[in-house]
Amino acid sequence: MARTLPPVQAIRAEIDALFTDGRDLVEVIEDVARLGARLIIQTAVEAEVDAFLGRARYQRATTVTRVPQMCSRKDT
């Protein structure tokens, strides 16, 4: 099973790839600006999610909180 890149790393890879395409510099700068804005937003969103969950991506929680069951099955 192939692991996907975290969104921040995927955006950084896109930015790196722009400089190897041999495109017009003006187009590259426009795309870098667009991807840079996406990178800033994605970084902020990931930080907010990490703070909300209390852990980083792919990190397990240190404590387990049991969710109460809404119904129980009884054998009759």
PDB file of N, CA and C in Angstrom:
ATOM      1  N   MET A   1       0.847  -1.164   0.000  1.00  0.00           N
ATOM      2  CA  MET A   1       0.000   0.000   0.000  1.00  0.00           C
ATOM      3  C   MET A   1       0.902   1.241   0.000  1.00  0.00           C
ATOM      4  N   ALA A   2       0.663   2.135  -0.927  1.00  0.00           N
ATOM      5  CA  ALA A   2       1.465   3.351  -1.028  1.00  0.00           C
ATOM      6  C   ALA A   2       0.976   4.385  -0.022  1.00  0.00           C
ATOM      7  N   ARG A   3       1.930   5.000   0.660  1.00  0.00           N
ATOM      8  CA  ARG A   3       1.577   6.054   1.619  1.00  0.00           C
ATOM      9  C   ARG A   3       1.493   7.367   0.867  1.00  0.00           C
ATOM     10  N   THR A   4       0.506   8.142   1.200  1.00  0.00           N
ATOM     11  CA  THR A   4       0.375   9.445   0.576  1.00  0.00           C
ATOM     12  C   THR A   4       1.195  10.467   1.347  1.00  0.00           C
ATOM     13  N   LEU A   5       1.626  11.478   0.635  1.00  0.00           N
ATOM     14  CA  LEU A   5       2.360  12.557   1.285  1.00  0.00           C
ATOM     15  C   LEU A   5       1.402  13.416   2.085  1.00  0.00           C
ATOM     16  N   PRO A   6       1.850  13.930   3.207  1.00  0.00           N
ATOM     17  CA  PRO A   6       1.032  14.922   3.906  1.00  0.00           C
ATOM     18  C   PRO A   6       0.834  16.126   2.986  1.00  0.00           C
ATOM     19  N   PRO A   7      -0.299  16.822   3.096  1.00  0.00           N
ATOM     20  CA  PRO A   7      -0.591  17.932   2.186  1.00  0.00           C
ATOM     21  C   PRO A   7       0.512  18.986   2.111  1.00  0.00           C
ATOM     22  N   VAL A   8       1.136  19.320   3.229  1.00  0.00           N
ATOM     23  CA  VAL A   8       2.193  20.338   3.215  1.00  0.00           C
ATOM     24  C   VAL A   8       3.373  19.865   2.369  1.00  0.00           C
ATOM     25  N   GLN A   9       3.753  18.612   2.506  1.00  0.00           N
ATOM     26  CA  GLN A   9       4.874  18.092   1.718  1.00  0.00           C
ATOM     27  C   GLN A   9       4.513  18.005   0.239  1.00  0.00           C
ATOM     28  N   ALA A  10       3.259  17.692  -0.063  1.00  0.00           N
ATOM     29  CA  ALA A  10       2.821  17.630  -1.459  1.00  0.00           C
ATOM     30  C   ALA A  10       2.896  19.011  -2.108  1.00  0.00           C
ATOM     31  N   ILE A  11       2.487  20.046  -1.387  1.00  0.00           N
ATOM     32  CA  ILE A  11       2.557  21.408  -1.922  1.00  0.00           C
ATOM     33  C   ILE A  11       4.012  21.813  -2.126  1.00  0.00           C
ATOM     34  N   ARG A  12       4.874  21.490  -1.175  1.00  0.00           N
ATOM     35  CA  ARG A  12       6.301  21.810  -1.328  1.00  0.00           C
ATOM     36  C   ARG A  12       6.901  21.089  -2.535  1.00  0.00           C
ATOM     37  N   ALA A  13       6.480  19.850  -2.764  1.00  0.00           N
ATOM     38  CA  ALA A  13       6.966  19.106  -3.928  1.00  0.00           C
ATOM     39  C   ALA A  13       6.496  19.765  -5.223  1.00  0.00           C
ATOM     40  N   GLU A  14       5.252  20.275  -5.233  1.00  0.00           N
ATOM     41  CA  GLU A  14       4.754  20.993  -6.407  1.00  0.00           C
ATOM     42  C   GLU A  14       5.586  22.241  -6.673  1.00  0.00           C
ATOM     43  N   ILE A  15       5.923  22.967  -5.607  1.00  0.00           N
ATOM     44  CA  ILE A  15       6.742  24.177  -5.760  1.00  0.00           C
ATOM     45  C   ILE A  15       8.116  23.807  -6.310  1.00  0.00           C
ATOM     46  N   ASP A  16       8.733  22.763  -5.784  1.00  0.00           N
ATOM     47  CA  ASP A  16      10.044  22.330  -6.275  1.00  0.00           C
ATOM     48  C   ASP A  16       9.979  21.927  -7.747  1.00  0.00           C
ATOM     49  N   ALA A  17       8.892  21.258  -8.133  1.00  0.00           N
ATOM     50  CA  ALA A  17       8.749  20.803  -9.515  1.00  0.00           C
ATOM     51  C   ALA A  17       8.610  21.965 -10.492  1.00  0.00           C
ATOM     52  N   LEU A  18       8.095  23.092 -10.040  1.00  0.00           N
ATOM     53  CA  LEU A  18       7.926  24.242 -10.929  1.00  0.00           C
ATOM     54  C   LEU A  18       9.257  24.732 -11.490  1.00  0.00           C
ATOM     55  N   PHE A  19      10.312  24.600 -10.711  1.00  0.00           N
ATOM     56  CA  PHE A  19      11.609  25.120 -11.137  1.00  0.00           C
ATOM     57  C   PHE A  19      12.357  24.163 -12.059  1.00  0.00           C
ATOM     58  N   THR A  20      11.844  22.972 -12.262  1.00  0.00           N
ATOM     59  CA  THR A  20      12.493  22.010 -13.153  1.00  0.00           C
ATOM     60  C   THR A  20      11.775  21.880 -14.486  1.00  0.00           C
ATOM     61  N   ASP A  21      10.635  22.568 -14.641  1.00  0.00           N
ATOM     62  CA  ASP A  21       9.841  22.436 -15.861  1.00  0.00           C
ATOM     63  C   ASP A  21      10.397  23.221 -17.042  1.00  0.00           C
ATOM     64  N   GLY A  22      11.196  24.261 -16.802  1.00  0.00           N
ATOM     65  CA  GLY A  22      11.714  25.072 -17.892  1.00  0.00           C
ATOM     66  C   GLY A  22      10.669  26.008 -18.482  1.00  0.00           C
ATOM     67  N   ARG A  23       9.678  26.373 -17.689  1.00  0.00           N
ATOM     68  CA  ARG A  23       8.627  27.281 -18.146  1.00  0.00           C
ATOM     69  C   ARG A  23       9.085  28.725 -18.033  1.00  0.00           C
ATOM     70  N   ASP A  24       8.255  29.625 -18.565  1.00  0.00           N
ATOM     71  CA  ASP A  24       8.522  31.056 -18.488  1.00  0.00           C
ATOM     72  C   ASP A  24       8.570  31.481 -17.021  1.00  0.00           C
ATOM     73  N   LEU A  25       9.523  32.341 -16.681  1.00  0.00           N
ATOM     74  CA  LEU A  25       9.735  32.755 -15.296  1.00  0.00           C
ATOM     75  C   LEU A  25       8.506  33.438 -14.705  1.00  0.00           C
ATOM     76  N   VAL A  26       7.792  34.227 -15.501  1.00  0.00           N
ATOM     77  CA  VAL A  26       6.592  34.917 -15.002  1.00  0.00           C
ATOM     78  C   VAL A  26       5.533  33.902 -14.571  1.00  0.00           C
ATOM     79  N   GLU A  27       5.334  32.869 -15.376  1.00  0.00           N
ATOM     80  CA  GLU A  27       4.360  31.825 -15.028  1.00  0.00           C
ATOM     81  C   GLU A  27       4.790  31.083 -13.763  1.00  0.00           C
ATOM     82  N   VAL A  28       6.072  30.806 -13.652  1.00  0.00           N
ATOM     83  CA  VAL A  28       6.586  30.096 -12.479  1.00  0.00           C
ATOM     84  C   VAL A  28       6.364  30.931 -11.225  1.00  0.00           C
ATOM     85  N   ILE A  29       6.649  32.235 -11.303  1.00  0.00           N
ATOM     86  CA  ILE A  29       6.469  33.108 -10.140  1.00  0.00           C
ATOM     87  C   ILE A  29       5.001  33.171  -9.736  1.00  0.00           C
ATOM     88  N   GLU A  30       4.094  33.242 -10.719  1.00  0.00           N
ATOM     89  CA  GLU A  30       2.656  33.254 -10.404  1.00  0.00           C
ATOM     90  C   GLU A  30       2.246  31.970  -9.691  1.00  0.00           C
ATOM     91  N   ASP A  31       2.721  30.848 -10.208  1.00  0.00           N
ATOM     92  CA  ASP A  31       2.365  29.564  -9.597  1.00  0.00           C
ATOM     93  C   ASP A  31       2.982  29.407  -8.208  1.00  0.00           C
ATOM     94  N   VAL A  32       4.208  29.905  -8.027  1.00  0.00           N
ATOM     95  CA  VAL A  32       4.844  29.841  -6.710  1.00  0.00           C
ATOM     96  C   VAL A  32       4.057  30.684  -5.711  1.00  0.00           C
ATOM     97  N   ALA A  33       3.586  31.850  -6.138  1.00  0.00           N
ATOM     98  CA  ALA A  33       2.788  32.699  -5.248  1.00  0.00           C
ATOM     99  C   ALA A  33       1.486  32.005  -4.861  1.00  0.00           C
ATOM    100  N   ARG A  34       0.827  31.387  -5.837  1.00  0.00           N
ATOM    101  CA  ARG A  34      -0.429  30.678  -5.564  1.00  0.00           C
ATOM    102  C   ARG A  34      -0.191  29.502  -4.622  1.00  0.00           C
ATOM    103  N   LEU A  35       0.826  28.704  -4.915  1.00  0.00           N
ATOM    104  CA  LEU A  35       1.118  27.551  -4.062  1.00  0.00           C
ATOM    105  C   LEU A  35       1.627  27.981  -2.692  1.00  0.00           C
ATOM    106  N   GLY A  36       2.340  29.093  -2.640  1.00  0.00           N
ATOM    107  CA  GLY A  36       2.800  29.613  -1.352  1.00  0.00           C
ATOM    108  C   GLY A  36       1.635  29.988  -0.455  1.00  0.00           C
ATOM    109  N   ALA A  37       0.605  30.599  -1.049  1.00  0.00           N
ATOM    110  CA  ALA A  37      -0.598  30.933  -0.274  1.00  0.00           C
ATOM    111  C   ALA A  37      -1.284  29.663   0.217  1.00  0.00           C
ATOM    112  N   ARG A  38      -1.376  28.655  -0.656  1.00  0.00           N
ATOM    113  CA  ARG A  38      -1.966  27.372  -0.242  1.00  0.00           C
ATOM    114  C   ARG A  38      -1.165  26.741   0.884  1.00  0.00           C
ATOM    115  N   LEU A  39       0.157  26.846   0.798  1.00  0.00           N
ATOM    116  CA  LEU A  39       1.029  26.272   1.823  1.00  0.00           C
ATOM    117  C   LEU A  39       0.813  26.940   3.172  1.00  0.00           C
ATOM    118  N   ILE A  40       0.687  28.257   3.171  1.00  0.00           N
ATOM    119  CA  ILE A  40       0.445  28.986   4.424  1.00  0.00           C
ATOM    120  C   ILE A  40      -0.886  28.571   5.033  1.00  0.00           C
ATOM    121  N   ILE A  41      -1.928  28.501   4.210  1.00  0.00           N
ATOM    122  CA  ILE A  41      -3.258  28.121   4.707  1.00  0.00           C
ATOM    123  C   ILE A  41      -3.244  26.680   5.206  1.00  0.00           C
ATOM    124  N   GLN A  42      -2.640  25.774   4.441  1.00  0.00           N
ATOM    125  CA  GLN A  42      -2.600  24.361   4.832  1.00  0.00           C
ATOM    126  C   GLN A  42      -1.836  24.174   6.136  1.00  0.00           C
ATOM    127  N   THR A  43      -0.739  24.892   6.299  1.00  0.00           N
ATOM    128  CA  THR A  43       0.041  24.810   7.535  1.00  0.00           C
ATOM    129  C   THR A  43      -0.781  25.281   8.728  1.00  0.00           C
ATOM    130  N   ALA A  44      -1.527  26.369   8.539  1.00  0.00           N
ATOM    131  CA  ALA A  44      -2.375  26.887   9.620  1.00  0.00           C
ATOM    132  C   ALA A  44      -3.490  25.905   9.957  1.00  0.00           C
ATOM    133  N   VAL A  45      -4.100  25.306   8.938  1.00  0.00           N
ATOM    134  CA  VAL A  45      -5.181  24.336   9.174  1.00  0.00           C
ATOM    135  C   VAL A  45      -4.640  23.115   9.917  1.00  0.00           C
ATOM    136  N   GLU A  46      -3.490  22.609   9.493  1.00  0.00           N
ATOM    137  CA  GLU A  46      -2.913  21.441  10.168  1.00  0.00           C
ATOM    138  C   GLU A  46      -2.552  21.753  11.617  1.00  0.00           C
ATOM    139  N   ALA A  47      -2.044  22.949  11.874  1.00  0.00           N
ATOM    140  CA  ALA A  47      -1.729  23.336  13.252  1.00  0.00           C
ATOM    141  C   ALA A  47      -2.997  23.411  14.090  1.00  0.00           C
ATOM    142  N   GLU A  48      -4.070  23.924  13.509  1.00  0.00           N
ATOM    143  CA  GLU A  48      -5.344  24.016  14.224  1.00  0.00           C
ATOM    144  C   GLU A  48      -5.897  22.621  14.528  1.00  0.00           C
ATOM    145  N   VAL A  49      -5.815  21.718  13.566  1.00  0.00           N
ATOM    146  CA  VAL A  49      -6.295  20.347  13.772  1.00  0.00           C
ATOM    147  C   VAL A  49      -5.445  19.643  14.828  1.00  0.00           C
ATOM    148  N   ASP A  50      -4.127  19.806  14.754  1.00  0.00           N
ATOM    149  CA  ASP A  50      -3.246  19.201  15.763  1.00  0.00           C
ATOM    150  C   ASP A  50      -3.576  19.710  17.162  1.00  0.00           C
ATOM    151  N   ALA A  51      -3.833  21.009  17.279  1.00  0.00           N
ATOM    152  CA  ALA A  51      -4.177  21.583  18.587  1.00  0.00           C
ATOM    153  C   ALA A  51      -5.518  21.051  19.068  1.00  0.00           C
ATOM    154  N   PHE A  52      -6.474  20.912  18.162  1.00  0.00           N
ATOM    155  CA  PHE A  52      -7.800  20.413  18.540  1.00  0.00           C
ATOM    156  C   PHE A  52      -7.726  18.956  18.987  1.00  0.00           C
ATOM    157  N   LEU A  53      -6.979  18.145  18.228  1.00  0.00           N
ATOM    158  CA  LEU A  53      -6.877  16.722  18.556  1.00  0.00           C
ATOM    159  C   LEU A  53      -5.897  16.455  19.690  1.00  0.00           C
ATOM    160  N   GLY A  54      -5.001  17.393  19.936  1.00  0.00           N
ATOM    161  CA  GLY A  54      -3.998  17.197  20.974  1.00  0.00           C
ATOM    162  C   GLY A  54      -2.893  16.251  20.564  1.00  0.00           C
ATOM    163  N   ARG A  55      -2.699  16.085  19.264  1.00  0.00           N
ATOM    164  CA  ARG A  55      -1.649  15.203  18.760  1.00  0.00           C
ATOM    165  C   ARG A  55      -1.334  15.593  17.320  1.00  0.00           C
ATOM    166  N   ALA A  56      -0.200  15.103  16.824  1.00  0.00           N
ATOM    167  CA  ALA A  56       0.210  15.383  15.454  1.00  0.00           C
ATOM    168  C   ALA A  56      -0.344  14.323  14.508  1.00  0.00           C
ATOM    169  N   ARG A  57      -0.178  14.556  13.226  1.00  0.00           N
ATOM    170  CA  ARG A  57      -0.642  13.616  12.207  1.00  0.00           C
ATOM    171  C   ARG A  57       0.020  12.256  12.421  1.00  0.00           C
ATOM    172  N   TYR A  58      -0.754  11.206  12.336  1.00  0.00           N
ATOM    173  CA  TYR A  58      -0.317   9.815  12.497  1.00  0.00           C
ATOM    174  C   TYR A  58       0.224   9.495  13.883  1.00  0.00           C
ATOM    175  N   GLN A  59       0.035  10.378  14.825  1.00  0.00           N
ATOM    176  CA  GLN A  59       0.466  10.108  16.195  1.00  0.00           C
ATOM    177  C   GLN A  59      -0.748   9.628  16.977  1.00  0.00           C
ATOM    178  N   ARG A  60      -0.578   8.587  17.733  1.00  0.00           N
ATOM    179  CA  ARG A  60      -1.688   8.071  18.528  1.00  0.00           C
ATOM    180  C   ARG A  60      -1.836   8.873  19.803  1.00  0.00           C
ATOM    181  N   ALA A  61      -3.051   8.948  20.280  1.00  0.00           N
ATOM    182  CA  ALA A  61      -3.309   9.646  21.535  1.00  0.00           C
ATOM    183  C   ALA A  61      -2.687   8.852  22.681  1.00  0.00           C
ATOM    184  N   THR A  62      -2.255   9.554  23.714  1.00  0.00           N
ATOM    185  CA  THR A  62      -1.633   8.872  24.852  1.00  0.00           C
ATOM    186  C   THR A  62      -2.674   8.222  25.750  1.00  0.00           C
ATOM    187  N   THR A  63      -3.876   8.769  25.779  1.00  0.00           N
ATOM    188  CA  THR A  63      -4.952   8.179  26.573  1.00  0.00           C
ATOM    189  C   THR A  63      -6.121   7.863  25.658  1.00  0.00           C
ATOM    190  N   VAL A  64      -6.864   6.859  26.046  1.00  0.00           N
ATOM    191  CA  VAL A  64      -8.023   6.452  25.266  1.00  0.00           C
ATOM    192  C   VAL A  64      -9.272   6.868  26.015  1.00  0.00           C
ATOM    193  N   THR A  65     -10.132   7.570  25.334  1.00  0.00           N
ATOM    194  CA  THR A  65     -11.398   7.981  25.922  1.00  0.00           C
ATOM    195  C   THR A  65     -12.487   7.078  25.364  1.00  0.00           C
ATOM    196  N   ARG A  66     -13.158   6.391  26.240  1.00  0.00           N
ATOM    197  CA  ARG A  66     -14.230   5.508  25.786  1.00  0.00           C
ATOM    198  C   ARG A  66     -15.479   6.317  25.512  1.00  0.00           C
ATOM    199  N   VAL A  67     -16.090   6.013  24.413  1.00  0.00           N
ATOM    200  CA  VAL A  67     -17.338   6.669  24.039  1.00  0.00           C
ATOM    201  C   VAL A  67     -18.475   5.810  24.570  1.00  0.00           C
ATOM    202  N   PRO A  68     -19.407   6.401  25.316  1.00  0.00           N
ATOM    203  CA  PRO A  68     -20.510   5.597  25.840  1.00  0.00           C
ATOM    204  C   PRO A  68     -21.383   5.063  24.708  1.00  0.00           C
ATOM    205  N   GLN A  69     -21.822   3.838  24.878  1.00  0.00           N
ATOM    206  CA  GLN A  69     -22.693   3.242  23.868  1.00  0.00           C
ATOM    207  C   GLN A  69     -24.099   3.785  24.035  1.00  0.00           C
ATOM    208  N   MET A  70     -24.724   4.062  22.928  1.00  0.00           N
ATOM    209  CA  MET A  70     -26.069   4.631  22.959  1.00  0.00           C
ATOM    210  C   MET A  70     -27.128   3.555  23.204  1.00  0.00           C
ATOM    211  N   CYS A  71     -26.831   2.365  22.809  1.00  0.00           N
ATOM    212  CA  CYS A  71     -27.787   1.282  23.045  1.00  0.00           C
ATOM    213  C   CYS A  71     -27.002   0.013  23.343  1.00  0.00           C
ATOM    214  N   SER A  72     -27.636  -0.895  23.970  1.00  0.00           N
ATOM    215  CA  SER A  72     -26.969  -2.157  24.251  1.00  0.00           C
ATOM    216  C   SER A  72     -27.810  -3.282  23.683  1.00  0.00           C
ATOM    217  N   ARG A  73     -27.153  -4.342  23.332  1.00  0.00           N
ATOM    218  CA  ARG A  73     -27.846  -5.483  22.771  1.00  0.00           C
ATOM    219  C   ARG A  73     -28.096  -6.484  23.894  1.00  0.00           C
ATOM    220  N   LYS A  74     -29.333  -6.893  24.024  1.00  0.00           N
ATOM    221  CA  LYS A  74     -29.673  -7.894  25.032  1.00  0.00           C
ATOM    222  C   LYS A  74     -30.183  -9.140  24.325  1.00  0.00           C
ATOM    223  N   ASP A  75     -29.668 -10.259  24.743  1.00  0.00           N
ATOM    224  CA  ASP A  75     -30.167 -11.521  24.203  1.00  0.00           C
ATOM    225  C   ASP A  75     -31.405 -11.914  24.990  1.00  0.00           C
ATOM    226  N   THR A  76     -32.500 -12.084  24.298  1.00  0.00           N
ATOM    227  CA  THR A  76     -33.741 -12.474  24.981  1.00  0.00           C
ATOM    228  C   THR A  76     -34.196 -13.824  24.577  1.00  0.00           C
TER     229      THR A  76
END
